[in-house]
PDB file of all heavy atoms in Angstrom:
ATOM      1  N   GLU A   1       0.831  -1.206   0.009  1.00  0.00           N
ATOM      2  CA  GLU A   1      -0.004   0.008   0.013  1.00  0.00           C
ATOM      3  C   GLU A   1       0.864   1.263  -0.013  1.00  0.00           C
ATOM      4  O   GLU A   1       1.977   1.260   0.529  1.00  0.00           O
ATOM      5  CB  GLU A   1      -0.969   0.004   1.195  1.00  0.00           C
ATOM      6  CG  GLU A   1      -0.325  -0.172   2.538  1.00  0.00           C
ATOM      7  CD  GLU A   1      -1.369  -0.265   3.644  1.00  0.00           C
ATOM      8  OE1 GLU A   1      -2.506   0.262   3.523  1.00  0.00           O
ATOM      9  OE2 GLU A   1      -1.075  -0.898   4.689  1.00  0.00           O
ATOM     10  N   ILE A   2       0.331   2.265  -0.626  1.00  0.00           N
ATOM     11  CA  ILE A   2       0.971   3.588  -0.585  1.00  0.00           C
ATOM     12  C   ILE A   2       0.330   4.333   0.588  1.00  0.00           C
ATOM     13  O   ILE A   2      -0.870   4.634   0.569  1.00  0.00           O
ATOM     14  CB  ILE A   2       0.758   4.369  -1.911  1.00  0.00           C
ATOM     15  CG1 ILE A   2       1.448   3.644  -3.059  1.00  0.00           C
ATOM     16  CG2 ILE A   2       1.334   5.820  -1.761  1.00  0.00           C
ATOM     17  CD1 ILE A   2       1.184   4.234  -4.421  1.00  0.00           C
ATOM     18  N   LEU A   3       1.120   4.624   1.590  1.00  0.00           N
ATOM     19  CA  LEU A   3       0.594   5.324   2.788  1.00  0.00           C
ATOM     20  C   LEU A   3       0.525   6.827   2.565  1.00  0.00           C
ATOM     21  O   LEU A   3      -0.410   7.470   3.089  1.00  0.00           O
ATOM     22  CB  LEU A   3       1.490   5.045   3.977  1.00  0.00           C
ATOM     23  CG  LEU A   3       1.606   3.595   4.432  1.00  0.00           C
ATOM     24  CD1 LEU A   3       2.591   3.461   5.595  1.00  0.00           C
ATOM     25  CD2 LEU A   3       0.254   3.030   4.884  1.00  0.00           C
ATOM     26  N   LYS A   4       1.439   7.344   1.764  1.00  0.00           N
ATOM     27  CA  LYS A   4       1.509   8.794   1.609  1.00  0.00           C
ATOM     28  C   LYS A   4       2.405   9.162   0.447  1.00  0.00           C
ATOM     29  O   LYS A   4       3.447   8.588   0.258  1.00  0.00           O
ATOM     30  CB  LYS A   4       2.104   9.356   2.924  1.00  0.00           C
ATOM     31  CG  LYS A   4       2.237  10.867   2.993  1.00  0.00           C
ATOM     32  CD  LYS A   4       2.769  11.243   4.372  1.00  0.00           C
ATOM     33  CE  LYS A   4       2.874  12.728   4.582  1.00  0.00           C
ATOM     34  NZ  LYS A   4       3.362  13.041   5.948  1.00  0.00           N
ATOM     35  N   TRP A   5       1.934  10.116  -0.365  1.00  0.00           N
ATOM     36  CA  TRP A   5       2.773  10.669  -1.408  1.00  0.00           C
ATOM     37  C   TRP A   5       3.553  11.836  -0.814  1.00  0.00           C
ATOM     38  O   TRP A   5       2.941  12.779  -0.294  1.00  0.00           O
ATOM     39  CB  TRP A   5       1.973  11.132  -2.606  1.00  0.00           C
ATOM     40  CG  TRP A   5       1.577  10.003  -3.492  1.00  0.00           C
ATOM     41  CD1 TRP A   5       0.358   9.384  -3.556  1.00  0.00           C
ATOM     42  CD2 TRP A   5       2.370   9.382  -4.483  1.00  0.00           C
ATOM     43  NE1 TRP A   5       0.361   8.383  -4.470  1.00  0.00           N
ATOM     44  CE2 TRP A   5       1.596   8.356  -5.100  1.00  0.00           C
ATOM     45  CE3 TRP A   5       3.697   9.567  -4.937  1.00  0.00           C
ATOM     46  CZ2 TRP A   5       2.084   7.536  -6.101  1.00  0.00           C
ATOM     47  CZ3 TRP A   5       4.178   8.695  -5.945  1.00  0.00           C
ATOM     48  CH2 TRP A   5       3.363   7.716  -6.506  1.00  0.00           C
ATOM     49  N   ILE A   6       4.884  11.796  -0.894  1.00  0.00           N
ATOM     50  CA  ILE A   6       5.682  12.951  -0.484  1.00  0.00           C
ATOM     51  C   ILE A   6       5.704  13.981  -1.603  1.00  0.00           C
ATOM     52  O   ILE A   6       5.503  15.185  -1.408  1.00  0.00           O
ATOM     53  CB  ILE A   6       7.124  12.534  -0.150  1.00  0.00           C
ATOM     54  CG1 ILE A   6       7.124  11.454   0.942  1.00  0.00           C
ATOM     55  CG2 ILE A   6       7.921  13.749   0.309  1.00  0.00           C
ATOM     56  CD1 ILE A   6       6.447  11.850   2.242  1.00  0.00           C
ATOM     57  N   GLU A   7       5.873  13.502  -2.837  1.00  0.00           N
ATOM     58  CA  GLU A   7       5.887  14.335  -4.023  1.00  0.00           C
ATOM     59  C   GLU A   7       5.653  13.482  -5.210  1.00  0.00           C
ATOM     60  O   GLU A   7       6.486  12.592  -5.574  1.00  0.00           O
ATOM     61  CB  GLU A   7       7.215  15.112  -4.149  1.00  0.00           C
ATOM     62  CG  GLU A   7       7.191  16.171  -5.194  1.00  0.00           C
ATOM     63  CD  GLU A   7       8.482  16.998  -5.239  1.00  0.00           C
ATOM     64  OE1 GLU A   7       9.262  16.954  -4.278  1.00  0.00           O
ATOM     65  OE2 GLU A   7       8.680  17.710  -6.247  1.00  0.00           O
ATOM     66  N   LYS A   8       4.506  13.655  -5.857  1.00  0.00           N
ATOM     67  CA  LYS A   8       4.209  12.846  -7.064  1.00  0.00           C
ATOM     68  C   LYS A   8       5.061  13.351  -8.241  1.00  0.00           C
ATOM     69  O   LYS A   8       5.355  14.524  -8.314  1.00  0.00           O
ATOM     70  CB  LYS A   8       2.714  12.948  -7.383  1.00  0.00           C
ATOM     71  CG  LYS A   8       1.793  12.184  -6.437  1.00  0.00           C
ATOM     72  CD  LYS A   8       0.361  12.223  -6.928  1.00  0.00           C
ATOM     73  CE  LYS A   8      -0.528  11.334  -6.028  1.00  0.00           C
ATOM     74  NZ  LYS A   8      -1.897  11.274  -6.493  1.00  0.00           N
ATOM     75  N   PRO A   9       5.475  12.456  -9.118  1.00  0.00           N
ATOM     76  CA  PRO A   9       5.122  11.048  -9.205  1.00  0.00           C
ATOM     77  C   PRO A   9       6.214  10.074  -8.685  1.00  0.00           C
ATOM     78  O   PRO A   9       6.101   8.860  -8.884  1.00  0.00           O
ATOM     79  CB  PRO A   9       4.955  10.829 -10.713  1.00  0.00           C
ATOM     80  CG  PRO A   9       6.050  11.722 -11.277  1.00  0.00           C
ATOM     81  CD  PRO A   9       6.149  12.897 -10.350  1.00  0.00           C
ATOM     82  N   ASP A  10       7.248  10.597  -8.030  1.00  0.00           N
ATOM     83  CA  ASP A  10       8.449   9.769  -7.809  1.00  0.00           C
ATOM     84  C   ASP A  10       8.802   9.476  -6.370  1.00  0.00           C
ATOM     85  O   ASP A  10       9.677   8.672  -6.110  1.00  0.00           O
ATOM     86  CB  ASP A  10       9.640  10.344  -8.547  1.00  0.00           C
ATOM     87  CG  ASP A  10      10.058  11.734  -7.985  1.00  0.00           C
ATOM     88  OD1 ASP A  10       9.197  12.403  -7.373  1.00  0.00           O
ATOM     89  OD2 ASP A  10      11.242  12.117  -8.189  1.00  0.00           O
ATOM     90  N   LEU A  11       8.129  10.123  -5.398  1.00  0.00           N
ATOM     91  CA  LEU A  11       8.588   9.983  -4.011  1.00  0.00           C
ATOM     92  C   LEU A  11       7.390   9.710  -3.083  1.00  0.00           C
ATOM     93  O   LEU A  11       6.484  10.511  -3.012  1.00  0.00           O
ATOM     94  CB  LEU A  11       9.313  11.277  -3.571  1.00  0.00           C
ATOM     95  CG  LEU A  11      10.085  11.234  -2.268  1.00  0.00           C
ATOM     96  CD1 LEU A  11      11.225  10.260  -2.325  1.00  0.00           C
ATOM     97  CD2 LEU A  11      10.602  12.630  -1.879  1.00  0.00           C
ATOM     98  N   ARG A  12       7.465   8.533  -2.419  1.00  0.00           N
ATOM     99  CA  ARG A  12       6.308   8.125  -1.636  1.00  0.00           C
ATOM    100  C   ARG A  12       6.760   7.294  -0.422  1.00  0.00           C
ATOM    101  O   ARG A  12       7.854   6.868  -0.307  1.00  0.00           O
ATOM    102  CB  ARG A  12       5.358   7.316  -2.474  1.00  0.00           C
ATOM    103  CG  ARG A  12       5.940   5.976  -2.957  1.00  0.00           C
ATOM    104  CD  ARG A  12       4.933   5.236  -3.875  1.00  0.00           C
ATOM    105  NE  ARG A  12       5.347   3.883  -4.207  1.00  0.00           N
ATOM    106  CZ  ARG A  12       5.992   3.520  -5.287  1.00  0.00           C
ATOM    107  NH1 ARG A  12       6.329   4.425  -6.200  1.00  0.00           N
ATOM    108  NH2 ARG A  12       6.322   2.234  -5.484  1.00  0.00           N
ATOM    109  N   ILE A  13       5.766   7.090   0.497  1.00  0.00           N
ATOM    110  CA  ILE A  13       5.911   6.203   1.604  1.00  0.00           C
ATOM    111  C   ILE A  13       5.087   4.961   1.339  1.00  0.00           C
ATOM    112  O   ILE A  13       3.855   5.061   1.120  1.00  0.00           O
ATOM    113  CB  ILE A  13       5.471   6.831   2.952  1.00  0.00           C
ATOM    114  CG1 ILE A  13       6.194   8.124   3.231  1.00  0.00           C
ATOM    115  CG2 ILE A  13       5.680   5.817   4.093  1.00  0.00           C
ATOM    116  CD1 ILE A  13       7.651   8.050   3.570  1.00  0.00           C
ATOM    117  N   ASN A  14       5.697   3.777   1.331  1.00  0.00           N
ATOM    118  CA  ASN A  14       5.014   2.511   1.064  1.00  0.00           C
ATOM    119  C   ASN A  14       4.973   1.684   2.352  1.00  0.00           C
ATOM    120  O   ASN A  14       5.813   1.839   3.250  1.00  0.00           O
ATOM    121  CB  ASN A  14       5.776   1.670   0.068  1.00  0.00           C
ATOM    122  CG  ASN A  14       5.137   1.714  -1.335  1.00  0.00           C
ATOM    123  OD1 ASN A  14       4.631   2.732  -1.741  1.00  0.00           O
ATOM    124  ND2 ASN A  14       5.201   0.549  -2.001  1.00  0.00           N
ATOM    125  N   ARG A  15       3.984   0.812   2.420  1.00  0.00           N
ATOM    126  CA  ARG A  15       3.959  -0.232   3.459  1.00  0.00           C
ATOM    127  C   ARG A  15       3.839  -1.570   2.763  1.00  0.00           C
ATOM    128  O   ARG A  15       2.954  -1.767   1.912  1.00  0.00           O
ATOM    129  CB  ARG A  15       2.831  -0.023   4.437  1.00  0.00           C
ATOM    130  CG  ARG A  15       2.746  -1.143   5.521  1.00  0.00           C
ATOM    131  CD  ARG A  15       1.732  -0.780   6.593  1.00  0.00           C
ATOM    132  NE  ARG A  15       1.544  -1.859   7.555  1.00  0.00           N
ATOM    133  CZ  ARG A  15       0.474  -2.648   7.602  1.00  0.00           C
ATOM    134  NH1 ARG A  15      -0.493  -2.501   6.726  1.00  0.00           N
ATOM    135  NH2 ARG A  15       0.384  -3.588   8.510  1.00  0.00           N
ATOM    136  N   ALA A  16       4.734  -2.503   3.117  1.00  0.00           N
ATOM    137  CA  ALA A  16       4.663  -3.839   2.555  1.00  0.00           C
ATOM    138  C   ALA A  16       4.520  -4.829   3.707  1.00  0.00           C
ATOM    139  O   ALA A  16       5.214  -4.784   4.712  1.00  0.00           O
ATOM    140  CB  ALA A  16       5.954  -4.150   1.765  1.00  0.00           C
ATOM    141  N   CYS A  17       3.556  -5.744   3.554  1.00  0.00           N
ATOM    142  CA  CYS A  17       3.331  -6.804   4.529  1.00  0.00           C
ATOM    143  C   CYS A  17       3.757  -8.142   3.927  1.00  0.00           C
ATOM    144  O   CYS A  17       3.287  -8.482   2.831  1.00  0.00           O
ATOM    145  CB  CYS A  17       1.850  -6.856   4.947  1.00  0.00           C
ATOM    146  SG  CYS A  17       1.213  -5.286   5.590  1.00  0.00           S
ATOM    147  N   THR A  18       4.583  -8.867   4.613  1.00  0.00           N
ATOM    148  CA  THR A  18       5.122 -10.132   4.112  1.00  0.00           C
ATOM    149  C   THR A  18       4.472 -11.315   4.798  1.00  0.00           C
ATOM    150  O   THR A  18       4.018 -11.226   5.919  1.00  0.00           O
ATOM    151  CB  THR A  18       6.612 -10.241   4.262  1.00  0.00           C
ATOM    152  OG1 THR A  18       6.964 -10.242   5.669  1.00  0.00           O
ATOM    153  CG2 THR A  18       7.335  -9.034   3.595  1.00  0.00           C
ATOM    154  N   ALA A  19       4.471 -12.439   4.095  1.00  0.00           N
ATOM    155  CA  ALA A  19       3.902 -13.676   4.625  1.00  0.00           C
ATOM    156  C   ALA A  19       4.887 -14.265   5.620  1.00  0.00           C
ATOM    157  O   ALA A  19       6.057 -13.915   5.661  1.00  0.00           O
ATOM    158  CB  ALA A  19       3.645 -14.669   3.483  1.00  0.00           C
ATOM    159  N   SER A  20       4.428 -15.237   6.410  1.00  0.00           N
ATOM    160  CA  SER A  20       5.320 -15.966   7.292  1.00  0.00           C
ATOM    161  C   SER A  20       6.286 -16.808   6.410  1.00  0.00           C
ATOM    162  O   SER A  20       5.977 -17.110   5.248  1.00  0.00           O
ATOM    163  CB  SER A  20       4.539 -16.870   8.260  1.00  0.00           C
ATOM    164  OG  SER A  20       3.807 -17.818   7.519  1.00  0.00           O
ATOM    165  N   ALA A  21       7.415 -17.177   6.968  1.00  0.00           N
ATOM    166  CA  ALA A  21       8.419 -17.890   6.169  1.00  0.00           C
ATOM    167  C   ALA A  21       9.090 -18.965   6.989  1.00  0.00           C
ATOM    168  O   ALA A  21       8.875 -19.074   8.220  1.00  0.00           O
ATOM    169  CB  ALA A  21       9.484 -16.893   5.681  1.00  0.00           C
ATOM    170  N   MET A  22       9.859 -19.809   6.355  1.00  0.00           N
ATOM    171  CA  MET A  22      10.577 -20.888   6.986  1.00  0.00           C
ATOM    172  C   MET A  22       9.666 -21.757   7.802  1.00  0.00           C
ATOM    173  O   MET A  22       9.889 -22.010   8.986  1.00  0.00           O
ATOM    174  CB  MET A  22      11.723 -20.349   7.839  1.00  0.00           C
ATOM    175  CG  MET A  22      12.744 -19.512   7.125  1.00  0.00           C
ATOM    176  SD  MET A  22      13.882 -20.475   6.110  1.00  0.00           S
ATOM    177  CE  MET A  22      14.891 -21.245   7.373  1.00  0.00           C
ATOM    178  N   LEU A  23       8.543 -22.195   7.184  1.00  0.00           N
ATOM    179  CA  LEU A  23       7.567 -23.075   7.822  1.00  0.00           C
ATOM    180  C   LEU A  23       7.033 -22.476   9.123  1.00  0.00           C
ATOM    181  O   LEU A  23       6.793 -23.193  10.123  1.00  0.00           O
ATOM    182  CB  LEU A  23       8.193 -24.450   8.097  1.00  0.00           C
ATOM    183  CG  LEU A  23       8.648 -25.235   6.846  1.00  0.00           C
ATOM    184  CD1 LEU A  23       9.338 -26.518   7.230  1.00  0.00           C
ATOM    185  CD2 LEU A  23       7.468 -25.519   5.905  1.00  0.00           C
ATOM    186  N   GLY A  24       6.864 -21.158   9.129  1.00  0.00           N
ATOM    187  CA  GLY A  24       6.289 -20.495  10.273  1.00  0.00           C
ATOM    188  C   GLY A  24       7.308 -20.019  11.310  1.00  0.00           C
ATOM    189  O   GLY A  24       6.919 -19.348  12.294  1.00  0.00           O
ATOM    190  N   LEU A  25       8.573 -20.363  11.117  1.00  0.00           N
ATOM    191  CA  LEU A  25       9.625 -19.899  12.053  1.00  0.00           C
ATOM    192  C   LEU A  25       9.681 -18.381  12.079  1.00  0.00           C
ATOM    193  O   LEU A  25       9.983 -17.763  13.105  1.00  0.00           O
ATOM    194  CB  LEU A  25      10.981 -20.466  11.680  1.00  0.00           C
ATOM    195  CG  LEU A  25      11.282 -21.902  12.108  1.00  0.00           C
ATOM    196  CD1 LEU A  25      12.627 -22.317  11.552  1.00  0.00           C
ATOM    197  CD2 LEU A  25      11.263 -22.066  13.623  1.00  0.00           C
ATOM    198  N   ILE A  26       9.467 -17.760  10.920  1.00  0.00           N
ATOM    199  CA  ILE A  26       9.482 -16.296  10.808  1.00  0.00           C
ATOM    200  C   ILE A  26       8.041 -15.841  10.591  1.00  0.00           C
ATOM    201  O   ILE A  26       7.394 -16.203   9.583  1.00  0.00           O
ATOM    202  CB  ILE A  26      10.356 -15.828   9.638  1.00  0.00           C
ATOM    203  CG1 ILE A  26      11.803 -16.315   9.848  1.00  0.00           C
ATOM    204  CG2 ILE A  26      10.337 -14.313   9.511  1.00  0.00           C
ATOM    205  CD1 ILE A  26      12.737 -15.996   8.705  1.00  0.00           C
ATOM    206  N   SER A  27       7.511 -15.133  11.591  1.00  0.00           N
ATOM    207  CA  SER A  27       6.109 -14.699  11.510  1.00  0.00           C
ATOM    208  C   SER A  27       5.982 -13.507  10.519  1.00  0.00           C
ATOM    209  O   SER A  27       6.985 -12.929  10.095  1.00  0.00           O
ATOM    210  CB  SER A  27       5.643 -14.273  12.900  1.00  0.00           C
ATOM    211  OG  SER A  27       6.458 -13.213  13.408  1.00  0.00           O
ATOM    212  N   PRO A  28       4.760 -13.116  10.143  1.00  0.00           N
ATOM    213  CA  PRO A  28       4.575 -12.028   9.203  1.00  0.00           C
ATOM    214  C   PRO A  28       5.236 -10.708   9.673  1.00  0.00           C
ATOM    215  O   PRO A  28       5.185 -10.381  10.860  1.00  0.00           O
ATOM    216  CB  PRO A  28       3.057 -11.869   9.142  1.00  0.00           C
ATOM    217  CG  PRO A  28       2.534 -13.235   9.473  1.00  0.00           C
ATOM    218  CD  PRO A  28       3.474 -13.766  10.484  1.00  0.00           C
ATOM    219  N   ARG A  29       5.831 -10.034   8.722  1.00  0.00           N
ATOM    220  CA  ARG A  29       6.510  -8.739   8.983  1.00  0.00           C
ATOM    221  C   ARG A  29       5.827  -7.647   8.187  1.00  0.00           C
ATOM    222  O   ARG A  29       5.174  -7.942   7.179  1.00  0.00           O
ATOM    223  CB  ARG A  29       7.947  -8.815   8.523  1.00  0.00           C
ATOM    224  CG  ARG A  29       9.006  -9.058   9.576  1.00  0.00           C
ATOM    225  CD  ARG A  29       8.822 -10.279  10.365  1.00  0.00           C
ATOM    226  NE  ARG A  29       9.944 -10.449  11.347  1.00  0.00           N
ATOM    227  CZ  ARG A  29       9.918 -11.366  12.276  1.00  0.00           C
ATOM    228  NH1 ARG A  29       8.879 -12.207  12.400  1.00  0.00           N
ATOM    229  NH2 ARG A  29      10.925 -11.488  13.132  1.00  0.00           N
ATOM    230  N   ASP A  30       6.013  -6.416   8.652  1.00  0.00           N
ATOM    231  CA  ASP A  30       5.661  -5.290   7.781  1.00  0.00           C
ATOM    232  C   ASP A  30       6.792  -4.248   7.845  1.00  0.00           C
ATOM    233  O   ASP A  30       7.592  -4.232   8.765  1.00  0.00           O
ATOM    234  CB  ASP A  30       4.299  -4.662   8.117  1.00  0.00           C
ATOM    235  CG  ASP A  30       4.321  -3.792   9.396  1.00  0.00           C
ATOM    236  OD1 ASP A  30       5.240  -3.922  10.229  1.00  0.00           O
ATOM    237  OD2 ASP A  30       3.360  -2.990   9.554  1.00  0.00           O
ATOM    238  N   PHE A  31       6.886  -3.519   6.709  1.00  0.00           N
ATOM    239  CA  PHE A  31       7.977  -2.516   6.529  1.00  0.00           C
ATOM    240  C   PHE A  31       7.337  -1.235   6.026  1.00  0.00           C
ATOM    241  O   PHE A  31       6.560  -1.233   5.106  1.00  0.00           O
ATOM    242  CB  PHE A  31       9.005  -3.072   5.520  1.00  0.00           C
ATOM    243  CG  PHE A  31       9.696  -4.357   5.915  1.00  0.00           C
ATOM    244  CD1 PHE A  31       9.096  -5.550   5.655  1.00  0.00           C
ATOM    245  CD2 PHE A  31      10.928  -4.286   6.491  1.00  0.00           C
ATOM    246  CE1 PHE A  31       9.743  -6.735   6.034  1.00  0.00           C
ATOM    247  CE2 PHE A  31      11.607  -5.471   6.854  1.00  0.00           C
ATOM    248  CZ  PHE A  31      10.996  -6.698   6.625  1.00  0.00           C
ATOM    249  N   VAL A  32       7.743  -0.125   6.637  1.00  0.00           N
ATOM    250  CA  VAL A  32       7.294   1.181   6.156  1.00  0.00           C
ATOM    251  C   VAL A  32       8.519   1.884   5.541  1.00  0.00           C
ATOM    252  O   VAL A  32       9.504   2.182   6.238  1.00  0.00           O
ATOM    253  CB  VAL A  32       6.728   2.020   7.328  1.00  0.00           C
ATOM    254  CG1 VAL A  32       6.433   3.466   6.829  1.00  0.00           C
ATOM    255  CG2 VAL A  32       5.454   1.352   7.850  1.00  0.00           C
ATOM    256  N   ASP A  33       8.474   2.085   4.238  1.00  0.00           N
ATOM    257  CA  ASP A  33       9.652   2.525   3.506  1.00  0.00           C
ATOM    258  C   ASP A  33       9.427   3.814   2.698  1.00  0.00           C
ATOM    259  O   ASP A  33       8.331   3.989   2.122  1.00  0.00           O
ATOM    260  CB  ASP A  33      10.103   1.445   2.504  1.00  0.00           C
ATOM    261  CG  ASP A  33      10.589   0.151   3.203  1.00  0.00           C
ATOM    262  OD1 ASP A  33      10.959   0.195   4.362  1.00  0.00           O
ATOM    263  OD2 ASP A  33      10.565  -0.907   2.487  1.00  0.00           O
ATOM    264  N   LEU A  34      10.423   4.620   2.683  1.00  0.00           N
ATOM    265  CA  LEU A  34      10.507   5.768   1.772  1.00  0.00           C
ATOM    266  C   LEU A  34      11.033   5.229   0.453  1.00  0.00           C
ATOM    267  O   LEU A  34      12.046   4.511   0.424  1.00  0.00           O
ATOM    268  CB  LEU A  34      11.444   6.813   2.352  1.00  0.00           C
ATOM    269  CG  LEU A  34      11.800   8.002   1.448  1.00  0.00           C
ATOM    270  CD1 LEU A  34      10.579   8.874   1.195  1.00  0.00           C
ATOM    271  CD2 LEU A  34      12.920   8.825   2.124  1.00  0.00           C
ATOM    272  N   ILE A  35      10.358   5.534  -0.661  1.00  0.00           N
ATOM    273  CA  ILE A  35      10.770   5.041  -1.976  1.00  0.00           C
ATOM    274  C   ILE A  35      10.889   6.163  -2.981  1.00  0.00           C
ATOM    275  O   ILE A  35       9.955   6.953  -3.175  1.00  0.00           O
ATOM    276  CB  ILE A  35       9.777   3.962  -2.501  1.00  0.00           C
ATOM    277  CG1 ILE A  35       9.691   2.758  -1.592  1.00  0.00           C
ATOM    278  CG2 ILE A  35      10.144   3.542  -3.929  1.00  0.00           C
ATOM    279  CD1 ILE A  35       8.719   1.696  -2.070  1.00  0.00           C
ATOM    280  N   LEU A  36      12.039   6.188  -3.649  1.00  0.00           N
ATOM    281  CA  LEU A  36      12.256   7.127  -4.735  1.00  0.00           C
ATOM    282  C   LEU A  36      12.386   6.284  -6.046  1.00  0.00           C
ATOM    283  O   LEU A  36      13.154   5.363  -6.116  1.00  0.00           O
ATOM    284  CB  LEU A  36      13.532   7.914  -4.532  1.00  0.00           C
ATOM    285  CG  LEU A  36      14.034   8.761  -5.697  1.00  0.00           C
ATOM    286  CD1 LEU A  36      13.104   9.938  -5.948  1.00  0.00           C
ATOM    287  CD2 LEU A  36      15.488   9.262  -5.474  1.00  0.00           C
ATOM    288  N   VAL A  37      11.580   6.671  -7.034  1.00  0.00           N
ATOM    289  CA  VAL A  37      11.648   6.035  -8.355  1.00  0.00           C
ATOM    290  C   VAL A  37      12.482   6.949  -9.239  1.00  0.00           C
ATOM    291  O   VAL A  37      12.262   8.179  -9.283  1.00  0.00           O
ATOM    292  CB  VAL A  37      10.256   5.816  -8.964  1.00  0.00           C
ATOM    293  CG1 VAL A  37      10.390   5.311 -10.396  1.00  0.00           C
ATOM    294  CG2 VAL A  37       9.455   4.868  -8.125  1.00  0.00           C
ATOM    295  N   ARG A  38      13.465   6.359  -9.902  1.00  0.00           N
ATOM    296  CA  ARG A  38      14.382   7.165 -10.692  1.00  0.00           C
ATOM    297  C   ARG A  38      14.654   6.515 -12.028  1.00  0.00           C
ATOM    298  O   ARG A  38      14.751   5.285 -12.085  1.00  0.00           O
ATOM    299  CB  ARG A  38      15.669   7.369  -9.916  1.00  0.00           C
ATOM    300  CG  ARG A  38      16.750   8.153 -10.651  1.00  0.00           C
ATOM    301  CD  ARG A  38      18.073   8.112  -9.894  1.00  0.00           C
ATOM    302  NE  ARG A  38      18.185   9.193  -8.891  1.00  0.00           N
ATOM    303  CZ  ARG A  38      19.281   9.431  -8.188  1.00  0.00           C
ATOM    304  NH1 ARG A  38      20.339   8.653  -8.337  1.00  0.00           N
ATOM    305  NH2 ARG A  38      19.312  10.421  -7.308  1.00  0.00           N
ATOM    306  N   GLU A  39      14.749   7.321 -13.098  1.00  0.00           N
ATOM    307  CA  GLU A  39      15.150   6.807 -14.382  1.00  0.00           C
ATOM    308  C   GLU A  39      16.307   7.648 -14.910  1.00  0.00           C
ATOM    309  O   GLU A  39      16.268   8.865 -14.902  1.00  0.00           O
ATOM    310  CB  GLU A  39      14.013   6.822 -15.423  1.00  0.00           C
ATOM    311  CG  GLU A  39      14.474   6.263 -16.777  1.00  0.00           C
ATOM    312  CD  GLU A  39      13.381   6.037 -17.760  1.00  0.00           C
ATOM    313  OE1 GLU A  39      12.244   6.440 -17.525  1.00  0.00           O
ATOM    314  OE2 GLU A  39      13.649   5.410 -18.808  1.00  0.00           O
ATOM    315  N   THR A  40      17.374   6.946 -15.328  1.00  0.00           N
ATOM    316  CA  THR A  40      18.537   7.627 -15.962  1.00  0.00           C
ATOM    317  C   THR A  40      18.784   6.945 -17.305  1.00  0.00           C
ATOM    318  O   THR A  40      18.031   6.006 -17.692  1.00  0.00           O
ATOM    319  CB  THR A  40      19.780   7.466 -15.090  1.00  0.00           C
ATOM    320  OG1 THR A  40      20.160   6.073 -15.032  1.00  0.00           O
ATOM    321  CG2 THR A  40      19.551   7.969 -13.670  1.00  0.00           C
ATOM    322  N   ASP A  41      19.814   7.385 -18.010  1.00  0.00           N
ATOM    323  CA  ASP A  41      20.169   6.734 -19.272  1.00  0.00           C
ATOM    324  C   ASP A  41      20.607   5.286 -19.059  1.00  0.00           C
ATOM    325  O   ASP A  41      20.511   4.447 -19.952  1.00  0.00           O
ATOM    326  CB  ASP A  41      21.299   7.494 -19.988  1.00  0.00           C
ATOM    327  CG  ASP A  41      20.825   8.851 -20.495  1.00  0.00           C
ATOM    328  OD1 ASP A  41      19.603   9.022 -20.645  1.00  0.00           O
ATOM    329  OD2 ASP A  41      21.681   9.721 -20.702  1.00  0.00           O
ATOM    330  N   GLU A  42      21.075   4.985 -17.822  1.00  0.00           N
ATOM    331  CA  GLU A  42      21.601   3.646 -17.541  1.00  0.00           C
ATOM    332  C   GLU A  42      20.575   2.684 -16.993  1.00  0.00           C
ATOM    333  O   GLU A  42      20.653   1.491 -17.285  1.00  0.00           O
ATOM    334  CB  GLU A  42      22.770   3.742 -16.523  1.00  0.00           C
ATOM    335  CG  GLU A  42      24.037   4.394 -17.065  1.00  0.00           C
ATOM    336  CD  GLU A  42      23.973   5.895 -17.117  1.00  0.00           C
ATOM    337  OE1 GLU A  42      23.283   6.476 -16.265  1.00  0.00           O
ATOM    338  OE2 GLU A  42      24.554   6.483 -18.046  1.00  0.00           O
ATOM    339  N   CYS A  43      19.601   3.172 -16.215  1.00  0.00           N
ATOM    340  CA  CYS A  43      18.711   2.262 -15.558  1.00  0.00           C
ATOM    341  C   CYS A  43      17.430   2.908 -15.070  1.00  0.00           C
ATOM    342  O   CYS A  43      17.332   4.112 -14.970  1.00  0.00           O
ATOM    343  CB  CYS A  43      19.397   1.528 -14.371  1.00  0.00           C
ATOM    344  SG  CYS A  43      19.671   2.569 -12.963  1.00  0.00           S
ATOM    345  N   LEU A  44      16.459   2.059 -14.742  1.00  0.00           N
ATOM    346  CA  LEU A  44      15.285   2.390 -13.968  1.00  0.00           C
ATOM    347  C   LEU A  44      15.469   1.793 -12.595  1.00  0.00           C
ATOM    348  O   LEU A  44      15.993   0.700 -12.460  1.00  0.00           O
ATOM    349  CB  LEU A  44      13.998   1.797 -14.598  1.00  0.00           C
ATOM    350  CG  LEU A  44      13.599   2.322 -15.971  1.00  0.00           C
ATOM    351  CD1 LEU A  44      13.030   1.205 -16.823  1.00  0.00           C
ATOM    352  CD2 LEU A  44      12.544   3.438 -15.824  1.00  0.00           C
ATOM    353  N   SER A  45      15.021   2.529 -11.553  1.00  0.00           N
ATOM    354  CA  SER A  45      15.272   1.987 -10.228  1.00  0.00           C
ATOM    355  C   SER A  45      14.259   2.404  -9.176  1.00  0.00           C
ATOM    356  O   SER A  45      13.634   3.481  -9.314  1.00  0.00           O
ATOM    357  CB  SER A  45      16.681   2.382  -9.752  1.00  0.00           C
ATOM    358  OG  SER A  45      16.788   3.802  -9.625  1.00  0.00           O
TER     359      SER A  45
END
């Protein structure tokens, strides 16, 4: 989910929720991340 746009169209706050892993040894996690989308002549990122 996008929690908040800092500046459209390239800068936002995302939240990602992950499933449990390793047969349940690792319980579900969530991460709140600042994300910048960038394009240059060399790459998209």
